[in-house]
Amino acid sequence: MTRTETMTVNVDELTSKRFRRLAGIKYGKRKGYLGRALSEAMKTWLARQENEDIDVQAIEELRKGYNFGGLKYKNRGDLHKRKPFL
């Protein structure tokens, strides 16, 4: 079993009522249903934020570009040490 932690938060009334209603429908109004629903919501939010951070980093890398080090060979034959067919 995972350890739990108590949090005290202030949420606007409409959001709270909607959340409690939907959590009750999904989990049934049994002991711990709000905690389960809130934990699920927090995990979803965290995953979305982490994915956004990864996306932002990837876009920054793409904008920087990649240096392939310049051309070492003028043509494919030089790469394979072959003479071109004429």
Foldseek 3Di string as FASTA:
>chain_A
DDDDDDDDDDDDPVVVVVQVVVLCVVVNPDPCSSVVSVVVVVVVVVVVVVVVVVVVVVVVVVVVPDDPPDDPDPDPCVVVVHDDDD
